[in-house]
Amino acid sequence: MTGEHTASAQSRDRTPWTAPQRRALFAGVGSWTLDGLDYFILVFVLTDVAHGLKSTVTTASVAITLTLLLRPIGAIIFGALAEKFGRKHILAINILLYSVIELISALSPTMTFFLVTRIFYGVMMGGIWGVASALTMETVPNRSRGWVSGVFQAGYPAGYLIAAILYGLLGEAIGWRGLFALGGLPVLLAVYMWIFVKESPVWLERGTSKDSKPRYLETFKHSWKIIVFAIVLMAAFNFFSHGTQDMYPTFLKEQHGFGNGVESLIAIFYNIAAILGGILAGTLSQKLGRRWVMIVMSLLVLPAIPLWAYSHTAVMLGLGAFIVQFMVQGAWGVIPAYLNELMPLGARAMLTGFVYQVGNVIASPNSTLQASWAEHLGGNFSLPMSVIAASVAVIIAVLVFFGKETRGKSIEETD
């Protein structure tokens, strides 16, 4: 059966969602949302951490780089464990561990100690995306995968949104240490997942067979072209998101002198756009195909860059950020479905997380690059942000154009 016929059959399927499917979606999106919350707390308090630990913003930004750099290790560790022991329990343990590390970060007495905690946090964070997306995509109905992909990836800007709200409401009252302490709350989701969420039916069907044990070396040999393509694509995508997100609050604070309230309000505004863009694009990709939605969304960032990076008022900067993040996260909204459809079944939880996080490693210098470049320009972030955003938008469009269309592929297919 061709992909188009499969997609047509899926569109006619109107079987109601089951309770386990709804719970798996909640757990998957929730784990990625709370992971995003813990990550983006640092983005808002970067200057406060630098001042509080008697260091510089450039040095503090190394914490972001370290987190991104260590994520592939977590993807390999937790992904391999999820292939062997199942998605559910490994994901719950992963959430518990990154919550504990976030709490420890709040107690940092020195910048060196803080940077070490972010190394461990990077390992823990690296396991979440691949395992959570596999659990989600392997559980939900095939016909809903495009929409679910958008909802799943929207969890990341949703975490950013929650971080922005917490920063705006509580940042001055409890400080950066208090915000990191709140980052321990995801432990509650781990408890929920352990008790109420069921294991992936795809893993249960395949994972208990002796003949279905993961053979990673054989998988790499058989699928190396797809894996290399996915790594390069995810490097571009991570430059796309981190290049337009991570230093934007610092840009608003340092270059434009906005206070916590304005900075938080703009971040809330553009993260609402990110959530809407991800859900819309993911849904459209189920009808129009994964590739063309990603191409169009990435290229539509280009005309909004001047408004986003070179405006002078909070209103115009907020409008530019709204448009940019709608498109950036719109393109991203297709990725959970796309990667899970690209990767072979026997190593999906490990490989999706691995290629995603290796892409993060390649993009990991982004924050330090932008901070040091802006410092060289006298505190002007506009040029570094706009050059990176425009470049990767074009690179993504070209890569995806020559990539493989996966819409309509059954999630149970092995390659």
Protein backbone atom coordinates (compact mmCIF):
# COMPACT_ATOMS: atom_id res chain seq x y z
CA MET A 1 0.00 0.00 0.00
CA THR A 2 1.39 3.42 -0.94
CA GLY A 3 1.84 6.26 1.53
CA GLU A 4 -0.99 8.20 -0.09
CA HIS A 5 -3.40 5.26 0.22
CA THR A 6 -2.32 4.73 3.82
CA ALA A 7 -2.89 8.40 4.60
CA SER A 8 -6.32 8.22 2.97
CA ALA A 9 -7.24 5.17 5.03
CA GLN A 10 -6.07 6.91 8.17
CA SER A 11 -8.18 9.98 7.40
CA ARG A 12 -11.29 7.78 7.14
CA ASP A 13 -10.57 6.09 10.48
CA ARG A 14 -12.80 7.67 13.13
CA THR A 15 -12.25 5.21 15.97
CA PRO A 16 -12.53 7.18 19.24
CA TRP A 17 -9.42 7.78 21.29
CA THR A 18 -9.01 5.45 24.26
CA ALA A 19 -8.13 6.50 27.82
CA PRO A 20 -4.58 5.04 27.55
CA GLN A 21 -4.02 7.06 24.36
CA ARG A 22 -5.14 10.28 26.03
CA ARG A 23 -2.95 9.60 29.07
CA ALA A 24 0.06 8.84 26.89
CA LEU A 25 -0.43 12.13 25.05
CA PHE A 26 -0.71 14.01 28.36
CA ALA A 27 2.42 12.31 29.71
CA GLY A 28 4.44 12.86 26.54
CA VAL A 29 3.49 16.51 26.10
CA GLY A 30 3.75 17.12 29.84
CA SER A 31 7.26 15.70 30.07
CA TRP A 32 8.47 17.86 27.17
CA THR A 33 6.68 20.93 28.54
CA LEU A 34 8.19 20.63 32.00
CA ASP A 35 11.60 19.86 30.51
CA GLY A 36 11.26 23.07 28.50
CA LEU A 37 10.24 24.93 31.67
CA ASP A 38 13.37 23.81 33.50
CA TYR A 39 15.59 24.67 30.54
CA PHE A 40 14.15 28.14 29.89
CA ILE A 41 14.25 29.26 33.51
CA LEU A 42 17.98 29.73 32.92
CA VAL A 43 17.33 31.82 29.79
CA PHE A 44 15.39 34.37 31.86
CA VAL A 45 17.77 34.50 34.83
CA LEU A 46 21.06 34.35 32.92
CA THR A 47 22.00 37.89 33.93
CA ASP A 48 20.85 37.32 37.52
CA VAL A 49 22.88 34.11 37.80
CA ALA A 50 25.96 35.89 36.43
CA HIS A 51 25.62 38.73 38.92
CA GLY A 52 24.65 36.48 41.83
CA LEU A 53 27.64 34.19 41.32
CA LYS A 54 30.00 37.11 40.59
CA SER A 55 30.63 36.27 36.95
CA THR A 56 29.79 37.58 33.46
CA VAL A 57 26.85 36.95 31.15
CA THR A 58 29.17 35.35 28.60
CA THR A 59 30.49 32.92 31.21
CA ALA A 60 26.98 32.18 32.47
CA SER A 61 25.88 31.48 28.88
CA VAL A 62 28.33 28.57 28.86
CA ALA A 63 25.75 26.80 31.05
CA ILE A 64 23.36 26.78 28.08
CA THR A 65 26.11 25.45 25.81
CA LEU A 66 27.01 22.69 28.29
CA THR A 67 23.37 21.63 28.60
CA LEU A 68 23.04 21.30 24.85
CA LEU A 69 26.44 19.63 24.50
CA LEU A 70 25.68 16.79 26.92
CA ARG A 71 22.20 15.96 25.67
CA PRO A 72 23.28 13.25 23.14
CA ILE A 73 24.73 11.21 26.01
CA GLY A 74 21.36 11.22 27.72
CA ALA A 75 19.64 10.35 24.45
CA ILE A 76 21.84 7.28 24.03
CA ILE A 77 21.57 6.15 27.66
CA PHE A 78 17.85 6.61 28.17
CA GLY A 79 16.96 5.72 24.59
CA ALA A 80 18.80 2.40 24.82
CA LEU A 81 17.19 1.68 28.20
CA ALA A 82 13.77 2.48 26.71
CA GLU A 83 14.38 0.02 23.87
CA LYS A 84 15.21 -2.70 26.39
CA PHE A 85 12.85 -1.99 29.30
CA GLY A 86 10.05 -0.01 27.68
CA ARG A 87 9.24 3.68 27.26
CA LYS A 88 7.04 4.39 30.29
CA HIS A 89 9.22 3.58 33.31
CA ILE A 90 12.45 4.88 31.79
CA LEU A 91 10.75 8.19 30.96
CA ALA A 92 9.42 8.49 34.53
CA ILE A 93 12.89 7.85 35.99
CA ASN A 94 14.38 10.36 33.56
CA ILE A 95 11.91 13.05 34.70
CA LEU A 96 12.66 12.32 38.35
CA LEU A 97 16.40 12.72 37.78
CA TYR A 98 16.25 16.04 35.90
CA SER A 99 13.91 17.43 38.59
CA VAL A 100 16.47 16.60 41.28
CA ILE A 101 19.29 18.20 39.29
CA GLU A 102 17.22 21.36 38.85
CA LEU A 103 16.78 21.57 42.63
CA ILE A 104 20.52 21.13 43.17
CA SER A 105 21.17 23.98 40.70
CA ALA A 106 19.28 26.30 43.05
CA LEU A 107 21.85 25.63 45.78
CA SER A 108 24.92 26.50 43.69
CA PRO A 109 27.51 28.43 45.77
CA THR A 110 29.81 29.24 42.84
CA MET A 111 29.68 29.52 39.06
CA THR A 112 31.83 26.42 38.71
CA PHE A 113 29.39 24.38 40.80
CA PHE A 114 26.49 25.76 38.78
CA LEU A 115 28.13 24.83 35.47
CA VAL A 116 28.73 21.28 36.74
CA THR A 117 25.05 20.91 37.66
CA ARG A 118 24.09 22.02 34.16
CA ILE A 119 26.33 19.30 32.71
CA PHE A 120 24.32 16.67 34.60
CA TYR A 121 21.08 18.42 33.71
CA GLY A 122 22.08 18.23 30.03
CA VAL A 123 22.48 14.45 30.29
CA MET A 124 19.07 14.09 31.96
CA MET A 125 17.36 16.47 29.54
CA GLY A 126 18.82 14.58 26.58
CA GLY A 127 16.78 11.48 27.32
CA ILE A 128 13.36 13.12 27.34
CA TRP A 129 12.56 13.98 23.73
CA GLY A 130 13.29 10.64 22.07
CA VAL A 131 11.62 8.46 24.69
CA ALA A 132 8.62 10.78 25.18
CA SER A 133 8.01 11.17 21.44
CA ALA A 134 8.29 7.42 20.89
CA LEU A 135 5.83 6.67 23.69
CA THR A 136 3.42 9.27 22.32
CA MET A 137 3.66 8.50 18.60
CA GLU A 138 3.51 4.74 19.14
CA THR A 139 0.35 5.05 21.26
CA VAL A 140 -1.88 7.63 19.58
CA PRO A 141 -4.00 6.80 16.49
CA ASN A 142 -2.07 6.97 13.21
CA ARG A 143 -4.64 9.33 11.72
CA SER A 144 -3.91 11.92 14.45
CA ARG A 145 -0.13 11.81 14.22
CA GLY A 146 0.27 15.16 12.44
CA TRP A 147 -1.86 17.02 14.97
CA VAL A 148 -0.23 15.16 17.86
CA SER A 149 3.21 16.06 16.47
CA GLY A 150 2.31 19.74 16.62
CA VAL A 151 0.85 19.43 20.11
CA PHE A 152 3.87 17.46 21.34
CA GLN A 153 6.44 19.92 20.02
CA ALA A 154 4.31 22.83 21.27
CA GLY A 155 5.14 21.50 24.73
CA TYR A 156 8.56 23.13 24.43
CA PRO A 157 7.31 26.70 23.88
CA ALA A 158 4.60 25.94 26.46
CA GLY A 159 7.41 25.30 28.93
CA TYR A 160 9.00 28.57 27.81
CA LEU A 161 5.62 30.27 28.34
CA ILE A 162 5.29 28.92 31.88
CA ALA A 163 8.87 30.00 32.62
CA ALA A 164 8.02 33.50 31.34
CA ILE A 165 4.93 33.69 33.55
CA LEU A 166 6.81 32.47 36.63
CA TYR A 167 9.64 34.90 35.93
CA GLY A 168 7.24 37.81 35.50
CA LEU A 169 5.19 37.01 38.59
CA LEU A 170 7.80 35.62 40.97
CA GLY A 171 11.23 36.49 39.58
CA GLU A 172 11.81 39.55 41.74
CA ALA A 173 10.21 38.00 44.83
CA ILE A 174 12.02 34.66 44.97
CA GLY A 175 15.04 35.31 42.77
CA TRP A 176 16.81 32.91 40.43
CA ARG A 177 17.37 30.34 43.18
CA GLY A 178 13.67 30.20 43.96
CA LEU A 179 12.81 29.75 40.30
CA PHE A 180 15.21 26.83 39.99
CA ALA A 181 13.65 25.32 43.11
CA LEU A 182 10.24 25.45 41.40
CA GLY A 183 11.86 23.49 38.59
CA GLY A 184 11.66 20.42 40.80
CA LEU A 185 7.89 20.18 40.35
CA PRO A 186 8.06 17.80 37.32
CA VAL A 187 8.62 15.00 39.83
CA LEU A 188 4.82 14.96 40.20
CA LEU A 189 4.45 14.02 36.53
CA ALA A 190 6.85 11.11 37.05
CA VAL A 191 4.58 9.77 39.79
CA TYR A 192 1.49 10.16 37.56
CA MET A 193 3.22 8.40 34.69
CA TRP A 194 4.34 5.48 36.84
CA ILE A 195 0.81 4.89 38.13
CA PHE A 196 -1.57 5.79 35.28
CA VAL A 197 0.23 5.60 31.91
CA LYS A 198 0.40 2.34 29.96
CA GLU A 199 3.38 1.10 28.00
CA SER A 200 3.64 1.74 24.25
CA PRO A 201 1.61 -0.95 22.43
CA VAL A 202 4.16 -0.98 19.62
CA TRP A 203 6.98 -1.73 22.07
CA LEU A 204 4.88 -4.35 23.86
CA GLU A 205 4.20 -6.10 20.57
CA ARG A 206 7.80 -6.04 19.43
CA GLY A 207 9.95 -5.50 22.50
CA THR A 208 9.31 -8.85 24.19
CA SER A 209 10.43 -10.96 21.24
CA LYS A 210 13.93 -12.43 21.32
CA ASP A 211 14.27 -11.66 17.62
CA SER A 212 13.46 -8.00 18.17
CA LYS A 213 16.41 -7.04 20.38
CA PRO A 214 17.94 -3.78 19.12
CA ARG A 215 20.99 -4.25 16.91
CA TYR A 216 22.35 -0.73 16.79
CA LEU A 217 25.43 -1.41 14.68
CA GLU A 218 23.37 -3.14 11.99
CA THR A 219 20.80 -0.34 12.14
CA PHE A 220 23.48 2.32 11.66
CA LYS A 221 24.95 0.42 8.71
CA HIS A 222 21.55 -0.04 7.08
CA SER A 223 20.18 3.46 7.75
CA TRP A 224 23.31 5.64 7.92
CA LYS A 225 22.22 7.96 5.10
CA ILE A 226 18.92 8.73 6.82
CA ILE A 227 20.70 9.16 10.18
CA VAL A 228 23.27 11.59 8.74
CA PHE A 229 20.53 13.54 6.97
CA ALA A 230 18.52 13.72 10.20
CA ILE A 231 21.52 14.92 12.22
CA VAL A 232 22.29 17.72 9.76
CA LEU A 233 18.62 18.68 9.64
CA MET A 234 18.35 18.74 13.42
CA ALA A 235 21.51 20.84 13.69
CA ALA A 236 19.87 23.43 11.45
CA PHE A 237 16.58 23.18 13.34
CA ASN A 238 18.29 23.63 16.70
CA PHE A 239 20.16 26.68 15.44
CA PHE A 240 16.73 27.87 14.26
CA SER A 241 15.03 27.55 17.64
CA HIS A 242 17.91 28.32 20.01
CA GLY A 243 19.17 31.06 17.71
CA THR A 244 15.83 32.87 17.93
CA GLN A 245 14.92 32.04 21.55
CA ASP A 246 17.78 31.67 23.97
CA MET A 247 19.31 35.14 23.89
CA TYR A 248 16.12 37.06 23.10
CA PRO A 249 15.28 37.84 26.75
CA THR A 250 18.88 39.02 27.26
CA PHE A 251 18.58 41.08 24.05
CA LEU A 252 15.43 42.74 25.41
CA LYS A 253 17.03 43.40 28.80
CA GLU A 254 20.57 44.38 27.86
CA GLN A 255 20.11 46.12 24.50
CA HIS A 256 16.72 47.74 25.08
CA GLY A 257 16.71 48.09 28.86
CA PHE A 258 13.27 46.51 29.40
CA GLY A 259 12.37 45.41 32.91
CA ASN A 260 11.14 42.01 34.03
CA GLY A 261 7.48 42.83 33.34
CA VAL A 262 7.93 43.91 29.71
CA GLU A 263 10.45 41.17 29.03
CA SER A 264 8.10 38.54 30.46
CA LEU A 265 5.08 39.91 28.58
CA ILE A 266 6.87 39.80 25.24
CA ALA A 267 8.04 36.25 25.95
CA ILE A 268 4.50 35.18 26.85
CA PHE A 269 3.26 36.74 23.62
CA TYR A 270 5.74 35.01 21.34
CA ASN A 271 5.38 31.66 23.09
CA ILE A 272 1.63 31.72 22.54
CA ALA A 273 2.49 32.22 18.86
CA ALA A 274 4.92 29.30 19.01
CA ILE A 275 2.28 26.98 20.43
CA LEU A 276 -0.29 28.01 17.82
CA GLY A 277 2.21 27.69 14.99
CA GLY A 278 3.32 24.22 16.05
CA ILE A 279 -0.21 22.86 16.33
CA LEU A 280 -1.36 24.42 13.05
CA ALA A 281 1.67 23.23 11.08
CA GLY A 282 1.56 19.75 12.55
CA THR A 283 -2.11 19.45 11.62
CA LEU A 284 -1.53 20.77 8.10
CA SER A 285 1.33 18.32 7.59
CA GLN A 286 -1.12 15.43 7.89
CA LYS A 287 -2.99 16.82 4.87
CA LEU A 288 -0.33 18.59 2.81
CA GLY A 289 2.75 16.51 3.61
CA ARG A 290 5.57 17.00 6.11
CA ARG A 291 8.14 18.52 3.73
CA TRP A 292 6.19 21.39 2.21
CA VAL A 293 4.84 22.61 5.53
CA MET A 294 8.37 22.76 6.98
CA ILE A 295 9.72 24.53 3.89
CA VAL A 296 7.01 27.20 3.81
CA MET A 297 7.16 27.85 7.55
CA SER A 298 10.94 28.23 7.60
CA LEU A 299 11.05 30.63 4.62
CA LEU A 300 8.29 32.83 6.06
CA VAL A 301 10.67 33.72 8.90
CA LEU A 302 12.81 35.79 6.51
CA PRO A 303 10.50 38.80 5.97
CA ALA A 304 9.87 39.10 9.72
CA ILE A 305 13.53 39.30 10.79
CA PRO A 306 13.90 43.11 10.45
CA LEU A 307 10.85 43.65 12.65
CA TRP A 308 12.05 41.05 15.17
CA ALA A 309 15.69 42.15 15.48
CA TYR A 310 15.81 45.83 14.53
CA SER A 311 12.64 47.42 15.94
CA HIS A 312 12.98 49.90 18.79
CA THR A 313 9.67 49.70 20.66
CA ALA A 314 8.31 46.90 22.82
CA VAL A 315 5.17 46.64 20.67
CA MET A 316 7.04 46.21 17.39
CA LEU A 317 9.61 43.85 18.88
CA GLY A 318 6.78 41.80 20.36
CA LEU A 319 5.01 41.68 16.99
CA GLY A 320 8.20 40.60 15.24
CA ALA A 321 8.84 37.94 17.86
CA PHE A 322 5.25 36.69 17.51
CA ILE A 323 5.64 36.20 13.75
CA VAL A 324 9.12 34.65 13.96
CA GLN A 325 8.21 32.16 16.68
CA PHE A 326 4.93 31.24 14.96
CA MET A 327 6.94 30.21 11.90
CA VAL A 328 9.97 28.72 13.68
CA GLN A 329 7.92 26.53 15.97
CA GLY A 330 5.48 25.86 13.15
CA ALA A 331 8.29 24.20 11.22
CA TRP A 332 9.32 22.44 14.43
CA GLY A 333 5.77 21.16 14.95
CA VAL A 334 6.25 18.66 12.13
CA ILE A 335 9.49 17.23 13.52
CA PRO A 336 8.20 14.71 16.13
CA ALA A 337 6.12 12.91 13.50
CA TYR A 338 8.78 13.30 10.81
CA LEU A 339 11.66 11.87 12.85
CA ASN A 340 9.60 9.00 14.26
CA GLU A 341 8.50 8.12 10.72
CA LEU A 342 12.06 8.35 9.38
CA MET A 343 13.72 6.20 12.02
CA PRO A 344 13.58 2.35 11.97
CA LEU A 345 11.27 0.77 14.54
CA GLY A 346 13.82 -1.37 16.36
CA ALA A 347 15.89 1.63 17.47
CA ARG A 348 13.34 4.44 17.31
CA ALA A 349 13.45 5.65 20.95
CA MET A 350 17.24 5.82 20.85
CA LEU A 351 17.76 7.12 17.32
CA THR A 352 15.15 9.89 17.34
CA GLY A 353 16.61 11.24 20.56
CA PHE A 354 20.17 10.69 19.34
CA VAL A 355 19.86 12.59 16.04
CA TYR A 356 17.87 15.33 17.78
CA GLN A 357 20.52 15.77 20.47
CA VAL A 358 23.54 15.46 18.18
CA GLY A 359 21.94 18.31 16.26
CA ASN A 360 21.82 20.13 19.58
CA VAL A 361 25.54 19.54 20.08
CA ILE A 362 26.32 21.09 16.72
CA ALA A 363 24.09 24.05 17.62
CA SER A 364 25.33 24.24 21.24
CA PRO A 365 27.76 27.16 20.68
CA ASN A 366 24.85 29.36 19.58
CA SER A 367 24.27 31.24 22.86
CA THR A 368 27.95 31.81 23.60
CA LEU A 369 28.52 32.77 19.95
CA GLN A 370 25.73 35.33 20.02
CA ALA A 371 26.75 36.69 23.43
CA SER A 372 30.43 37.08 22.52
CA TRP A 373 29.61 38.51 19.06
CA ALA A 374 27.22 41.02 20.63
CA GLU A 375 29.83 41.91 23.25
CA HIS A 376 32.32 42.58 20.44
CA LEU A 377 29.72 44.87 18.85
CA GLY A 378 29.24 46.83 22.06
CA GLY A 379 26.20 44.95 23.30
CA ASN A 380 24.32 44.81 19.98
CA PHE A 381 22.55 41.45 19.55
CA SER A 382 20.59 42.40 16.42
CA LEU A 383 23.19 41.38 13.84
CA PRO A 384 24.15 38.00 15.40
CA MET A 385 20.51 37.00 15.85
CA SER A 386 19.41 38.03 12.36
CA VAL A 387 22.36 36.42 10.54
CA ILE A 388 21.85 33.08 12.29
CA ALA A 389 18.06 33.08 11.88
CA ALA A 390 18.16 33.96 8.16
CA SER A 391 20.95 31.50 7.34
CA VAL A 392 19.35 28.46 8.96
CA ALA A 393 15.91 29.28 7.55
CA VAL A 394 17.32 28.89 4.04
CA ILE A 395 19.41 25.83 4.97
CA ILE A 396 16.35 24.05 6.42
CA ALA A 397 14.28 24.77 3.31
CA VAL A 398 16.98 23.32 1.04
CA LEU A 399 17.59 20.23 3.20
CA VAL A 400 13.91 19.40 3.53
CA PHE A 401 13.32 19.93 -0.19
CA PHE A 402 15.77 17.12 -0.94
CA GLY A 403 14.55 14.98 1.97
CA LYS A 404 12.11 12.10 2.09
CA GLU A 405 8.35 12.55 2.48
CA THR A 406 6.99 10.36 5.29
CA ARG A 407 3.32 11.31 5.57
CA GLY A 408 1.16 8.19 5.56
CA LYS A 409 3.85 5.82 6.80
CA SER A 410 2.65 3.39 9.44
CA ILE A 411 4.42 3.82 12.78
CA GLU A 412 4.72 0.03 12.97
CA GLU A 413 6.88 -0.12 9.82
CA THR A 414 10.50 -1.04 10.48
CA ASP A 415 12.20 1.15 7.88
